[in-house]
């Protein structure tokens, strides 16, 4: 399956697609345009479309809550998942040194390429098609984020519980990383005043920290 088949959009101007998939490291080697400017515009389009969708879809959410939902969706982690879904690493072009260091699988590079792809679709067919691509790929993430927006996350709850008993020093430390760059698993410990309370595992550092905080809250090591 080609990338166009995967994303459900066929470019009239194939040059735009090529540009969206050209990392700056490759562009420097070949003396051609990189996807940096497309990425810049794509970021703004993504923020606008997601803001409009959230505004219309969730009228009961307050401004601050809408901002939180958008921040959870318009982020590297979400865009990296979109890139993995469409196997963009197979098509993106990186320079030799970047390729040797696993650049085709780096979350930042892949997330940026999704933003560039959004801008490329916009230039090729207008805002409506860019809107369709964004909603098709991020609607589920927005729905999920909206359900949890009113709830405090485990790290915040843990911090509040611990600080009820005085000043404490809380830190999270990644103690293990497993797997290739495109499919890593992280293990993180939550440490309070130098003592390890719990550890957690997740597909990102943030999720591993959340799991560590959740386990700490479930343990009997915290004063009520």
N, C-alpha and C. Protein backbone atom coordinates (compact mmCIF):
# COMPACT_ATOMS: atom_id res chain seq x y z
N UNK A 1 0.83 -1.19 0.00
CA UNK A 1 0.00 0.00 0.00
C UNK A 1 0.88 1.26 0.00
N UNK A 2 0.58 2.21 -0.87
CA UNK A 2 1.34 3.46 -0.93
C UNK A 2 0.90 4.37 0.21
N UNK A 3 1.68 5.42 0.44
CA UNK A 3 1.32 6.38 1.48
C UNK A 3 0.00 7.07 1.15
N UNK A 4 -0.18 7.43 -0.11
CA UNK A 4 -1.43 8.08 -0.52
C UNK A 4 -2.63 7.18 -0.27
N UNK A 5 -2.48 5.90 -0.54
CA UNK A 5 -3.57 4.95 -0.28
C UNK A 5 -3.84 4.87 1.22
N UNK A 6 -2.77 4.87 2.02
CA UNK A 6 -2.91 4.77 3.47
C UNK A 6 -3.64 5.97 4.07
N UNK A 7 -3.29 7.19 3.63
CA UNK A 7 -3.91 8.38 4.20
C UNK A 7 -5.24 8.72 3.53
N UNK A 8 -5.54 8.04 2.42
CA UNK A 8 -6.82 8.29 1.74
C UNK A 8 -6.86 9.60 0.99
N UNK A 9 -5.71 10.03 0.51
CA UNK A 9 -5.65 11.28 -0.26
C UNK A 9 -4.61 11.15 -1.37
N UNK A 10 -5.00 11.52 -2.59
CA UNK A 10 -4.09 11.47 -3.73
C UNK A 10 -3.69 12.89 -4.13
N UNK A 11 -2.41 13.16 -4.14
CA UNK A 11 -1.91 14.49 -4.47
C UNK A 11 -1.98 14.76 -5.96
N UNK A 12 -2.46 15.95 -6.29
CA UNK A 12 -2.41 16.40 -7.68
C UNK A 12 -0.98 16.84 -8.01
N UNK A 13 -0.36 17.51 -7.04
CA UNK A 13 1.02 17.96 -7.16
C UNK A 13 1.92 17.05 -6.32
N UNK A 14 2.54 16.07 -6.95
CA UNK A 14 3.36 15.09 -6.23
C UNK A 14 4.58 15.75 -5.57
N UNK A 15 4.97 16.92 -6.12
CA UNK A 15 6.11 17.64 -5.55
C UNK A 15 5.87 18.07 -4.12
N UNK A 16 4.63 18.39 -3.81
CA UNK A 16 4.29 18.78 -2.43
C UNK A 16 4.45 17.60 -1.48
N UNK A 17 4.05 16.43 -1.93
CA UNK A 17 4.22 15.23 -1.11
C UNK A 17 5.69 14.94 -0.89
N UNK A 18 6.49 15.07 -1.94
CA UNK A 18 7.94 14.85 -1.82
C UNK A 18 8.56 15.83 -0.83
N UNK A 19 8.15 17.08 -0.93
CA UNK A 19 8.70 18.11 -0.03
C UNK A 19 8.33 17.82 1.43
N UNK A 20 7.10 17.39 1.64
CA UNK A 20 6.64 17.09 3.01
C UNK A 20 7.42 15.96 3.65
N UNK A 21 7.98 15.09 2.80
CA UNK A 21 8.71 13.92 3.30
C UNK A 21 10.23 14.11 3.24
N UNK A 22 10.68 15.34 3.04
CA UNK A 22 12.11 15.62 2.93
C UNK A 22 12.64 16.32 4.18
N UNK A 23 13.36 15.58 4.99
CA UNK A 23 13.96 16.15 6.20
C UNK A 23 15.10 17.09 5.83
N UNK A 24 15.37 18.05 6.69
CA UNK A 24 16.38 19.05 6.38
C UNK A 24 17.77 18.44 6.16
N UNK A 25 18.06 17.33 6.82
CA UNK A 25 19.37 16.68 6.66
C UNK A 25 19.56 16.18 5.23
N UNK A 26 18.49 15.65 4.63
CA UNK A 26 18.52 15.17 3.25
C UNK A 26 18.55 16.36 2.29
N UNK A 27 17.78 17.39 2.61
CA UNK A 27 17.71 18.57 1.76
C UNK A 27 19.07 19.24 1.64
N UNK A 28 19.81 19.30 2.74
CA UNK A 28 21.14 19.90 2.72
C UNK A 28 22.10 19.12 1.82
N UNK A 29 22.00 17.82 1.89
CA UNK A 29 22.87 16.97 1.07
C UNK A 29 22.57 17.12 -0.42
N UNK A 30 21.30 17.26 -0.76
CA UNK A 30 20.88 17.28 -2.16
C UNK A 30 20.66 18.69 -2.73
N UNK A 31 20.71 19.69 -1.86
CA UNK A 31 20.49 21.06 -2.32
C UNK A 31 19.06 21.32 -2.76
N UNK A 32 18.09 20.73 -2.02
CA UNK A 32 16.68 20.91 -2.36
C UNK A 32 15.92 21.45 -1.14
N UNK A 33 14.63 21.70 -1.33
CA UNK A 33 13.82 22.24 -0.24
C UNK A 33 13.50 21.15 0.79
N UNK A 34 13.54 21.54 2.07
CA UNK A 34 13.16 20.61 3.14
C UNK A 34 11.70 20.85 3.51
N UNK A 35 11.21 20.06 4.43
CA UNK A 35 9.81 20.19 4.86
C UNK A 35 9.62 21.18 6.02
N UNK A 36 10.66 21.92 6.36
CA UNK A 36 10.58 22.80 7.54
C UNK A 36 9.48 23.86 7.43
N UNK A 37 9.38 24.51 6.27
CA UNK A 37 8.37 25.57 6.13
C UNK A 37 6.96 24.98 6.08
N UNK A 38 6.82 23.82 5.46
CA UNK A 38 5.51 23.15 5.47
C UNK A 38 5.14 22.76 6.89
N UNK A 39 6.11 22.29 7.64
CA UNK A 39 5.87 21.91 9.03
C UNK A 39 5.38 23.12 9.83
N UNK A 40 6.01 24.27 9.62
CA UNK A 40 5.64 25.51 10.31
C UNK A 40 4.17 25.85 10.06
N UNK A 41 3.76 25.79 8.80
CA UNK A 41 2.37 26.11 8.46
C UNK A 41 1.43 25.02 8.94
N UNK A 42 1.85 23.76 8.79
CA UNK A 42 1.01 22.65 9.21
C UNK A 42 0.68 22.69 10.69
N UNK A 43 1.63 23.14 11.48
CA UNK A 43 1.41 23.27 12.93
C UNK A 43 0.27 24.24 13.21
N UNK A 44 0.24 25.37 12.51
CA UNK A 44 -0.81 26.37 12.69
C UNK A 44 -2.16 25.86 12.20
N UNK A 45 -2.16 25.16 11.07
CA UNK A 45 -3.40 24.60 10.53
C UNK A 45 -3.97 23.57 11.50
N UNK A 46 -3.09 22.73 12.02
CA UNK A 46 -3.50 21.69 12.96
C UNK A 46 -4.13 22.31 14.21
N UNK A 47 -3.52 23.36 14.72
CA UNK A 47 -4.04 24.00 15.92
C UNK A 47 -5.40 24.64 15.64
N UNK A 48 -5.53 25.28 14.48
CA UNK A 48 -6.80 25.91 14.13
C UNK A 48 -7.92 24.88 13.96
N UNK A 49 -7.66 23.85 13.17
CA UNK A 49 -8.69 22.83 12.90
C UNK A 49 -9.10 22.10 14.17
N UNK A 50 -8.12 21.74 14.98
CA UNK A 50 -8.45 21.03 16.22
C UNK A 50 -9.21 21.93 17.18
N UNK A 51 -8.85 23.21 17.22
CA UNK A 51 -9.57 24.17 18.07
C UNK A 51 -11.02 24.31 17.62
N UNK A 52 -11.22 24.43 16.31
CA UNK A 52 -12.58 24.56 15.76
C UNK A 52 -13.40 23.32 16.06
N UNK A 53 -12.79 22.15 15.88
CA UNK A 53 -13.50 20.90 16.12
C UNK A 53 -13.91 20.80 17.59
N UNK A 54 -12.97 21.07 18.49
CA UNK A 54 -13.25 20.98 19.92
C UNK A 54 -14.31 21.99 20.35
N UNK A 55 -14.25 23.18 19.80
CA UNK A 55 -15.22 24.24 20.12
C UNK A 55 -16.64 23.81 19.75
N UNK A 56 -16.78 23.22 18.57
CA UNK A 56 -18.10 22.81 18.10
C UNK A 56 -18.58 21.49 18.71
N UNK A 57 -17.67 20.58 18.93
CA UNK A 57 -18.02 19.24 19.39
C UNK A 57 -18.30 19.18 20.90
N UNK A 58 -17.60 20.01 21.66
CA UNK A 58 -17.73 19.95 23.13
C UNK A 58 -18.09 21.31 23.70
N UNK A 59 -19.33 21.77 23.45
CA UNK A 59 -19.75 23.11 23.91
C UNK A 59 -19.77 23.25 25.43
N UNK A 60 -19.81 22.12 26.15
CA UNK A 60 -19.87 22.16 27.61
C UNK A 60 -18.50 22.37 28.25
N UNK A 61 -17.43 22.23 27.49
CA UNK A 61 -16.10 22.40 28.05
C UNK A 61 -15.74 23.88 28.16
N UNK A 62 -15.08 24.23 29.26
CA UNK A 62 -14.65 25.61 29.45
C UNK A 62 -13.38 25.87 28.65
N UNK A 63 -13.03 27.16 28.53
CA UNK A 63 -11.86 27.54 27.73
C UNK A 63 -10.59 26.83 28.19
N UNK A 64 -10.37 26.81 29.50
CA UNK A 64 -9.18 26.16 30.03
C UNK A 64 -9.16 24.67 29.75
N UNK A 65 -10.34 24.05 29.78
CA UNK A 65 -10.44 22.61 29.52
C UNK A 65 -10.19 22.32 28.04
N UNK A 66 -10.72 23.18 27.16
CA UNK A 66 -10.47 23.03 25.73
C UNK A 66 -8.98 23.13 25.43
N UNK A 67 -8.31 24.05 26.11
CA UNK A 67 -6.86 24.22 25.93
C UNK A 67 -6.11 22.96 26.34
N UNK A 68 -6.54 22.36 27.45
CA UNK A 68 -5.88 21.14 27.93
C UNK A 68 -6.08 19.98 26.96
N UNK A 69 -7.29 19.84 26.46
CA UNK A 69 -7.59 18.76 25.50
C UNK A 69 -6.74 18.94 24.24
N UNK A 70 -6.72 20.17 23.73
CA UNK A 70 -5.95 20.44 22.52
C UNK A 70 -4.46 20.14 22.73
N UNK A 71 -3.95 20.51 23.88
CA UNK A 71 -2.53 20.29 24.18
C UNK A 71 -2.19 18.80 24.20
N UNK A 72 -3.14 17.97 24.64
CA UNK A 72 -2.92 16.52 24.67
C UNK A 72 -2.93 15.91 23.28
N UNK A 73 -3.63 16.57 22.37
CA UNK A 73 -3.79 16.02 21.02
C UNK A 73 -2.76 16.61 20.05
N UNK A 74 -2.55 17.91 20.13
CA UNK A 74 -1.60 18.58 19.24
C UNK A 74 -0.22 18.52 19.89
N UNK A 75 0.36 17.35 19.92
CA UNK A 75 1.65 17.16 20.57
C UNK A 75 2.44 16.09 19.80
N UNK A 76 3.71 16.01 20.09
CA UNK A 76 4.58 15.08 19.39
C UNK A 76 4.09 13.64 19.51
N UNK A 77 3.65 13.28 20.70
CA UNK A 77 3.25 11.89 20.94
C UNK A 77 2.07 11.47 20.05
N UNK A 78 1.06 12.34 19.94
CA UNK A 78 -0.11 12.03 19.11
C UNK A 78 0.25 11.97 17.63
N UNK A 79 1.06 12.94 17.19
CA UNK A 79 1.44 12.98 15.78
C UNK A 79 2.35 11.81 15.42
N UNK A 80 3.17 11.39 16.37
CA UNK A 80 4.03 10.22 16.16
C UNK A 80 3.17 8.97 15.93
N UNK A 81 2.07 8.88 16.67
CA UNK A 81 1.16 7.74 16.49
C UNK A 81 0.53 7.76 15.10
N UNK A 82 0.20 8.95 14.61
CA UNK A 82 -0.34 9.08 13.25
C UNK A 82 0.70 8.63 12.23
N UNK A 83 1.95 9.06 12.45
CA UNK A 83 3.04 8.67 11.54
C UNK A 83 3.23 7.16 11.52
N UNK A 84 3.16 6.53 12.69
CA UNK A 84 3.32 5.07 12.76
C UNK A 84 2.15 4.37 12.07
N UNK A 85 0.95 4.90 12.24
CA UNK A 85 -0.25 4.32 11.62
C UNK A 85 -0.11 4.24 10.11
N UNK A 86 0.51 5.25 9.52
CA UNK A 86 0.64 5.31 8.06
C UNK A 86 2.04 4.90 7.58
N UNK A 87 2.85 4.40 8.50
CA UNK A 87 4.19 3.90 8.14
C UNK A 87 5.02 4.95 7.41
N UNK A 88 4.96 6.19 7.89
CA UNK A 88 5.66 7.29 7.23
C UNK A 88 7.17 7.10 7.22
N UNK A 89 7.70 6.38 8.20
CA UNK A 89 9.15 6.15 8.25
C UNK A 89 9.66 5.46 6.97
N UNK A 90 8.78 4.74 6.31
CA UNK A 90 9.14 4.03 5.07
C UNK A 90 9.38 5.01 3.92
N UNK A 91 8.76 6.19 4.01
CA UNK A 91 8.79 7.13 2.88
C UNK A 91 9.63 8.37 3.13
N UNK A 92 9.88 8.71 4.39
CA UNK A 92 10.60 9.95 4.68
C UNK A 92 12.06 9.85 4.26
N UNK A 93 12.61 10.95 3.79
CA UNK A 93 14.00 10.98 3.33
C UNK A 93 14.84 11.77 4.34
N UNK A 94 15.89 11.12 4.83
CA UNK A 94 16.81 11.78 5.77
C UNK A 94 18.23 11.67 5.22
N UNK A 95 19.11 12.53 5.70
CA UNK A 95 20.50 12.50 5.28
C UNK A 95 21.23 11.27 5.77
N UNK A 96 22.42 11.04 5.25
CA UNK A 96 23.17 9.84 5.57
C UNK A 96 23.44 9.70 7.07
N UNK A 97 23.98 10.73 7.68
CA UNK A 97 24.32 10.65 9.11
C UNK A 97 23.07 10.50 9.96
N UNK A 98 21.99 11.18 9.57
CA UNK A 98 20.73 11.06 10.31
C UNK A 98 20.16 9.66 10.15
N UNK A 99 20.32 9.09 8.96
CA UNK A 99 19.84 7.73 8.72
C UNK A 99 20.59 6.71 9.53
N UNK A 100 21.91 6.89 9.65
CA UNK A 100 22.75 5.96 10.42
C UNK A 100 22.34 5.96 11.89
N UNK A 101 21.93 7.14 12.39
CA UNK A 101 21.54 7.25 13.81
C UNK A 101 20.06 6.93 14.05
N UNK A 102 19.41 6.33 13.05
CA UNK A 102 18.01 5.92 13.21
C UNK A 102 17.01 7.04 13.04
N UNK A 103 17.38 8.07 12.26
CA UNK A 103 16.53 9.24 12.08
C UNK A 103 15.14 8.96 11.54
N UNK A 104 15.04 7.93 10.70
CA UNK A 104 13.73 7.62 10.10
C UNK A 104 12.71 7.14 11.13
N UNK A 105 13.19 6.76 12.31
CA UNK A 105 12.29 6.26 13.34
C UNK A 105 12.15 7.24 14.51
N UNK A 106 12.82 8.39 14.45
CA UNK A 106 12.76 9.34 15.57
C UNK A 106 11.39 9.99 15.66
N UNK A 107 10.78 9.95 16.86
CA UNK A 107 9.44 10.53 17.03
C UNK A 107 9.34 11.98 16.59
N UNK A 108 10.36 12.79 16.89
CA UNK A 108 10.31 14.21 16.54
C UNK A 108 10.26 14.39 15.02
N UNK A 109 11.11 13.68 14.31
CA UNK A 109 11.15 13.79 12.85
C UNK A 109 9.85 13.32 12.22
N UNK A 110 9.31 12.22 12.74
CA UNK A 110 8.07 11.68 12.18
C UNK A 110 6.88 12.58 12.51
N UNK A 111 6.83 13.10 13.73
CA UNK A 111 5.74 14.01 14.11
C UNK A 111 5.78 15.27 13.24
N UNK A 112 6.98 15.80 13.02
CA UNK A 112 7.12 16.99 12.17
C UNK A 112 6.66 16.72 10.75
N UNK A 113 6.90 15.51 10.27
CA UNK A 113 6.51 15.17 8.89
C UNK A 113 4.99 15.13 8.75
N UNK A 114 4.28 14.78 9.83
CA UNK A 114 2.81 14.78 9.78
C UNK A 114 2.31 16.22 9.64
N UNK A 115 2.92 17.14 10.38
CA UNK A 115 2.54 18.55 10.25
C UNK A 115 2.82 19.06 8.84
N UNK A 116 3.96 18.66 8.29
CA UNK A 116 4.30 19.06 6.92
C UNK A 116 3.30 18.48 5.92
N UNK A 117 2.87 17.26 6.17
CA UNK A 117 1.89 16.61 5.29
C UNK A 117 0.55 17.36 5.31
N UNK A 118 0.17 17.85 6.49
CA UNK A 118 -1.07 18.63 6.61
C UNK A 118 -1.00 19.87 5.74
N UNK A 119 0.13 20.59 5.80
CA UNK A 119 0.29 21.80 4.99
C UNK A 119 0.32 21.46 3.50
N UNK A 120 0.95 20.33 3.16
CA UNK A 120 1.02 19.92 1.75
C UNK A 120 -0.38 19.65 1.21
N UNK A 121 -1.22 19.00 1.99
CA UNK A 121 -2.60 18.73 1.57
C UNK A 121 -3.36 20.04 1.42
N UNK A 122 -3.11 20.97 2.34
CA UNK A 122 -3.76 22.29 2.27
C UNK A 122 -3.40 23.00 0.96
N UNK A 123 -2.12 23.04 0.62
CA UNK A 123 -1.70 23.70 -0.61
C UNK A 123 -2.22 22.98 -1.85
N UNK A 124 -2.37 21.67 -1.75
CA UNK A 124 -2.79 20.88 -2.91
C UNK A 124 -4.29 20.97 -3.16
N UNK A 125 -5.08 21.05 -2.07
CA UNK A 125 -6.54 21.00 -2.24
C UNK A 125 -7.34 21.95 -1.35
N UNK A 126 -6.68 22.67 -0.46
CA UNK A 126 -7.42 23.60 0.38
C UNK A 126 -7.67 23.10 1.79
N UNK A 127 -8.31 23.97 2.57
CA UNK A 127 -8.49 23.71 4.01
C UNK A 127 -9.42 22.54 4.29
N UNK A 128 -10.41 22.34 3.44
CA UNK A 128 -11.39 21.27 3.68
C UNK A 128 -10.73 19.89 3.71
N UNK A 129 -9.84 19.64 2.76
CA UNK A 129 -9.16 18.34 2.71
C UNK A 129 -8.18 18.18 3.88
N UNK A 130 -7.52 19.28 4.25
CA UNK A 130 -6.62 19.23 5.40
C UNK A 130 -7.42 18.94 6.67
N UNK A 131 -8.59 19.54 6.75
CA UNK A 131 -9.50 19.31 7.87
C UNK A 131 -9.88 17.83 7.94
N UNK A 132 -10.24 17.25 6.80
CA UNK A 132 -10.63 15.84 6.75
C UNK A 132 -9.51 14.93 7.25
N UNK A 133 -8.29 15.22 6.81
CA UNK A 133 -7.13 14.42 7.23
C UNK A 133 -6.93 14.51 8.74
N UNK A 134 -7.00 15.71 9.28
CA UNK A 134 -6.76 15.92 10.71
C UNK A 134 -7.82 15.21 11.55
N UNK A 135 -9.08 15.40 11.20
CA UNK A 135 -10.16 14.80 11.99
C UNK A 135 -10.14 13.27 11.87
N UNK A 136 -9.89 12.79 10.67
CA UNK A 136 -9.83 11.34 10.45
C UNK A 136 -8.77 10.69 11.34
N UNK A 137 -7.65 11.38 11.52
CA UNK A 137 -6.53 10.79 12.24
C UNK A 137 -6.47 11.13 13.72
N UNK A 138 -7.15 12.21 14.15
CA UNK A 138 -7.02 12.63 15.54
C UNK A 138 -8.36 12.72 16.29
N UNK A 139 -9.45 12.41 15.62
CA UNK A 139 -10.76 12.50 16.28
C UNK A 139 -10.83 11.60 17.51
N UNK A 140 -10.34 10.38 17.36
CA UNK A 140 -10.38 9.44 18.49
C UNK A 140 -9.57 9.97 19.68
N UNK A 141 -8.41 10.53 19.40
CA UNK A 141 -7.58 11.09 20.48
C UNK A 141 -8.28 12.26 21.16
N UNK A 142 -8.98 13.09 20.38
CA UNK A 142 -9.70 14.23 20.95
C UNK A 142 -10.88 13.77 21.81
N UNK A 143 -11.57 12.75 21.34
CA UNK A 143 -12.69 12.20 22.12
C UNK A 143 -12.18 11.66 23.46
N UNK A 144 -11.09 10.92 23.40
CA UNK A 144 -10.50 10.33 24.61
C UNK A 144 -10.04 11.40 25.59
N UNK A 145 -9.35 12.41 25.08
CA UNK A 145 -8.82 13.48 25.93
C UNK A 145 -9.95 14.27 26.58
N UNK A 146 -11.06 14.45 25.85
CA UNK A 146 -12.18 15.23 26.39
C UNK A 146 -12.84 14.54 27.57
N UNK A 147 -12.80 13.21 27.59
CA UNK A 147 -13.44 12.45 28.67
C UNK A 147 -12.68 12.57 29.98
N UNK A 148 -11.38 12.80 29.88
CA UNK A 148 -10.54 12.83 31.09
C UNK A 148 -10.13 14.24 31.51
N UNK A 149 -10.59 15.24 30.77
CA UNK A 149 -10.08 16.59 31.01
C UNK A 149 -10.41 17.12 32.40
N UNK A 150 -11.54 16.71 32.94
CA UNK A 150 -11.92 17.22 34.26
C UNK A 150 -11.25 16.50 35.41
N UNK A 151 -10.56 15.45 35.12
CA UNK A 151 -9.93 14.65 36.16
C UNK A 151 -8.48 15.06 36.36
N UNK A 152 -8.03 15.03 37.61
CA UNK A 152 -6.63 15.31 37.88
C UNK A 152 -5.81 14.08 37.52
N UNK A 153 -4.62 14.28 36.98
CA UNK A 153 -3.80 13.12 36.65
C UNK A 153 -3.14 12.57 37.91
N UNK A 154 -2.65 11.34 37.80
CA UNK A 154 -2.09 10.65 38.97
C UNK A 154 -0.92 11.39 39.59
N UNK A 155 -0.10 12.03 38.78
CA UNK A 155 1.07 12.76 39.30
C UNK A 155 0.62 13.94 40.17
N UNK A 156 -0.43 14.63 39.72
CA UNK A 156 -0.94 15.76 40.49
C UNK A 156 -1.55 15.29 41.80
N UNK A 157 -2.34 14.23 41.76
CA UNK A 157 -2.98 13.69 42.97
C UNK A 157 -1.91 13.23 43.96
N UNK A 158 -0.89 12.55 43.47
CA UNK A 158 0.19 12.07 44.34
C UNK A 158 0.90 13.25 45.00
N UNK A 159 1.21 14.26 44.22
CA UNK A 159 1.89 15.43 44.76
C UNK A 159 1.07 16.10 45.86
N UNK A 160 -0.24 16.23 45.62
CA UNK A 160 -1.11 16.87 46.61
C UNK A 160 -1.18 16.06 47.90
N UNK A 161 -1.25 14.73 47.77
CA UNK A 161 -1.31 13.87 48.95
C UNK A 161 -0.03 13.95 49.78
N UNK A 162 1.11 13.92 49.08
CA UNK A 162 2.39 13.94 49.78
C UNK A 162 2.66 15.28 50.44
N UNK A 163 2.26 16.35 49.80
CA UNK A 163 2.54 17.68 50.33
C UNK A 163 1.61 18.09 51.48
N UNK A 164 0.58 17.29 51.71
CA UNK A 164 -0.29 17.52 52.87
C UNK A 164 0.48 17.34 54.17
N UNK A 165 1.54 16.55 54.11
CA UNK A 165 2.31 16.22 55.32
C UNK A 165 3.62 16.99 55.38
N UNK A 166 3.71 18.07 54.64
CA UNK A 166 4.91 18.89 54.69
C UNK A 166 5.64 18.93 53.36
N UNK A 167 6.74 19.66 53.35
CA UNK A 167 7.52 19.83 52.12
C UNK A 167 8.22 18.53 51.75
N UNK A 168 8.07 18.10 50.51
CA UNK A 168 8.72 16.87 50.04
C UNK A 168 9.38 17.12 48.69
N UNK A 169 10.39 16.33 48.41
CA UNK A 169 11.06 16.41 47.11
C UNK A 169 10.63 15.20 46.28
N UNK A 170 9.92 15.46 45.18
CA UNK A 170 9.42 14.38 44.32
C UNK A 170 10.14 14.44 42.98
N UNK A 171 10.65 13.32 42.54
CA UNK A 171 11.27 13.27 41.21
C UNK A 171 10.92 11.96 40.52
N UNK A 172 10.94 12.01 39.20
CA UNK A 172 10.69 10.82 38.39
C UNK A 172 11.95 10.52 37.59
N UNK A 173 12.35 9.27 37.60
CA UNK A 173 13.60 8.89 36.95
C UNK A 173 13.38 7.69 36.03
N UNK A 174 13.76 7.83 34.76
CA UNK A 174 13.69 6.70 33.83
C UNK A 174 14.85 5.76 34.12
N UNK A 175 14.53 4.53 34.48
CA UNK A 175 15.58 3.58 34.86
C UNK A 175 15.84 2.53 33.78
N UNK A 176 14.95 2.47 32.79
CA UNK A 176 15.16 1.47 31.73
C UNK A 176 14.42 1.86 30.46
N UNK A 177 15.05 1.61 29.33
CA UNK A 177 14.42 1.79 28.02
C UNK A 177 14.63 0.51 27.23
N UNK A 178 13.56 0.00 26.63
CA UNK A 178 13.66 -1.22 25.84
C UNK A 178 13.04 -1.01 24.47
N UNK A 179 13.55 -1.73 23.49
CA UNK A 179 12.95 -1.73 22.16
C UNK A 179 13.54 -0.70 21.22
N UNK A 180 13.22 -0.81 19.93
CA UNK A 180 13.71 0.13 18.92
C UNK A 180 13.07 1.50 19.10
N UNK A 181 13.64 2.52 18.45
CA UNK A 181 13.17 3.89 18.62
C UNK A 181 11.68 4.05 18.31
N UNK A 182 11.18 3.31 17.34
CA UNK A 182 9.78 3.48 16.95
C UNK A 182 8.82 2.70 17.84
N UNK A 183 9.35 1.89 18.75
CA UNK A 183 8.47 1.08 19.61
C UNK A 183 9.11 0.86 20.97
N UNK A 184 9.49 1.93 21.62
CA UNK A 184 10.18 1.84 22.91
C UNK A 184 9.21 1.60 24.07
N UNK A 185 9.72 1.00 25.12
CA UNK A 185 9.01 0.86 26.38
C UNK A 185 9.89 1.44 27.48
N UNK A 186 9.31 2.31 28.30
CA UNK A 186 10.07 2.98 29.35
C UNK A 186 9.63 2.49 30.73
N UNK A 187 10.59 2.40 31.64
CA UNK A 187 10.30 2.11 33.03
C UNK A 187 10.77 3.32 33.85
N UNK A 188 9.84 3.87 34.65
CA UNK A 188 10.16 5.06 35.43
C UNK A 188 9.87 4.82 36.90
N UNK A 189 10.70 5.40 37.76
CA UNK A 189 10.49 5.32 39.21
C UNK A 189 10.07 6.69 39.74
N UNK A 190 9.17 6.68 40.72
CA UNK A 190 8.85 7.92 41.43
C UNK A 190 9.60 7.86 42.76
N UNK A 191 10.41 8.89 43.00
CA UNK A 191 11.29 8.93 44.16
C UNK A 191 10.91 10.12 45.03
N UNK A 192 10.65 9.86 46.31
CA UNK A 192 10.25 10.90 47.25
C UNK A 192 11.26 11.00 48.38
N UNK A 193 11.89 12.16 48.48
CA UNK A 193 12.94 12.37 49.49
C UNK A 193 13.98 11.26 49.45
N UNK A 194 14.36 10.87 48.25
CA UNK A 194 15.40 9.87 48.07
C UNK A 194 14.93 8.43 48.17
N UNK A 195 13.65 8.21 48.45
CA UNK A 195 13.13 6.84 48.59
C UNK A 195 12.23 6.49 47.41
N UNK A 196 12.47 5.33 46.81
CA UNK A 196 11.65 4.87 45.68
C UNK A 196 10.31 4.39 46.21
N UNK A 197 9.22 5.03 45.72
CA UNK A 197 7.89 4.63 46.15
C UNK A 197 7.30 3.55 45.24
N UNK A 198 7.52 3.70 43.94
CA UNK A 198 6.95 2.74 42.99
C UNK A 198 7.58 2.95 41.63
N UNK A 199 7.34 1.99 40.75
CA UNK A 199 7.81 2.11 39.37
C UNK A 199 6.65 1.82 38.43
N UNK A 200 6.76 2.36 37.21
CA UNK A 200 5.71 2.15 36.23
C UNK A 200 6.29 1.96 34.85
N UNK A 201 5.53 1.33 33.97
CA UNK A 201 5.97 1.04 32.60
C UNK A 201 4.99 1.66 31.62
N UNK A 202 5.51 2.25 30.55
CA UNK A 202 4.65 2.85 29.54
C UNK A 202 5.35 2.99 28.21
N UNK A 203 4.59 3.32 27.16
CA UNK A 203 5.14 3.46 25.82
C UNK A 203 5.78 4.84 25.60
N UNK A 204 5.69 5.70 26.60
CA UNK A 204 6.38 6.99 26.59
C UNK A 204 6.83 7.27 28.02
N UNK A 205 7.76 8.21 28.16
CA UNK A 205 8.23 8.57 29.50
C UNK A 205 7.07 9.10 30.34
N UNK A 206 6.21 9.90 29.72
CA UNK A 206 5.06 10.47 30.44
C UNK A 206 4.13 9.38 30.96
N UNK A 207 3.83 8.40 30.12
CA UNK A 207 2.93 7.32 30.54
C UNK A 207 3.57 6.46 31.62
N UNK A 208 4.88 6.25 31.53
CA UNK A 208 5.59 5.48 32.56
C UNK A 208 5.54 6.21 33.90
N UNK A 209 5.70 7.52 33.87
CA UNK A 209 5.63 8.32 35.10
C UNK A 209 4.23 8.26 35.70
N UNK A 210 3.21 8.34 34.84
CA UNK A 210 1.82 8.25 35.31
C UNK A 210 1.55 6.92 36.00
N UNK A 211 2.07 5.85 35.40
CA UNK A 211 1.87 4.53 35.98
C UNK A 211 2.59 4.41 37.32
N UNK A 212 3.78 5.00 37.42
CA UNK A 212 4.52 4.97 38.68
C UNK A 212 3.74 5.71 39.77
N UNK A 213 3.19 6.87 39.41
CA UNK A 213 2.40 7.64 40.38
C UNK A 213 1.14 6.88 40.78
N UNK A 214 0.49 6.23 39.82
CA UNK A 214 -0.71 5.44 40.10
C UNK A 214 -0.40 4.31 41.08
N UNK A 215 0.70 3.61 40.85
CA UNK A 215 1.07 2.50 41.74
C UNK A 215 1.44 3.00 43.13
N UNK A 216 2.06 4.18 43.17
CA UNK A 216 2.41 4.76 44.47
C UNK A 216 1.14 5.09 45.26
N UNK A 217 0.13 5.61 44.57
CA UNK A 217 -1.14 5.94 45.23
C UNK A 217 -1.85 4.67 45.72
N UNK A 218 -1.68 3.58 45.00
CA UNK A 218 -2.34 2.32 45.35
C UNK A 218 -1.60 1.55 46.44
N UNK A 219 -0.36 1.94 46.68
CA UNK A 219 0.45 1.25 47.68
C UNK A 219 0.09 1.74 49.08
N UNK A 220 0.68 1.11 50.10
CA UNK A 220 0.42 1.53 51.47
C UNK A 220 1.59 2.34 52.03
N UNK A 221 2.36 2.95 51.13
CA UNK A 221 3.54 3.70 51.57
C UNK A 221 3.25 5.19 51.79
N UNK A 222 2.00 5.60 51.53
CA UNK A 222 1.66 7.02 51.68
C UNK A 222 0.72 7.20 52.86
N UNK A 223 1.03 8.19 53.68
CA UNK A 223 0.16 8.50 54.82
C UNK A 223 -1.17 9.03 54.30
N UNK A 224 -2.23 8.63 54.97
CA UNK A 224 -3.55 9.10 54.58
C UNK A 224 -3.81 10.51 55.09
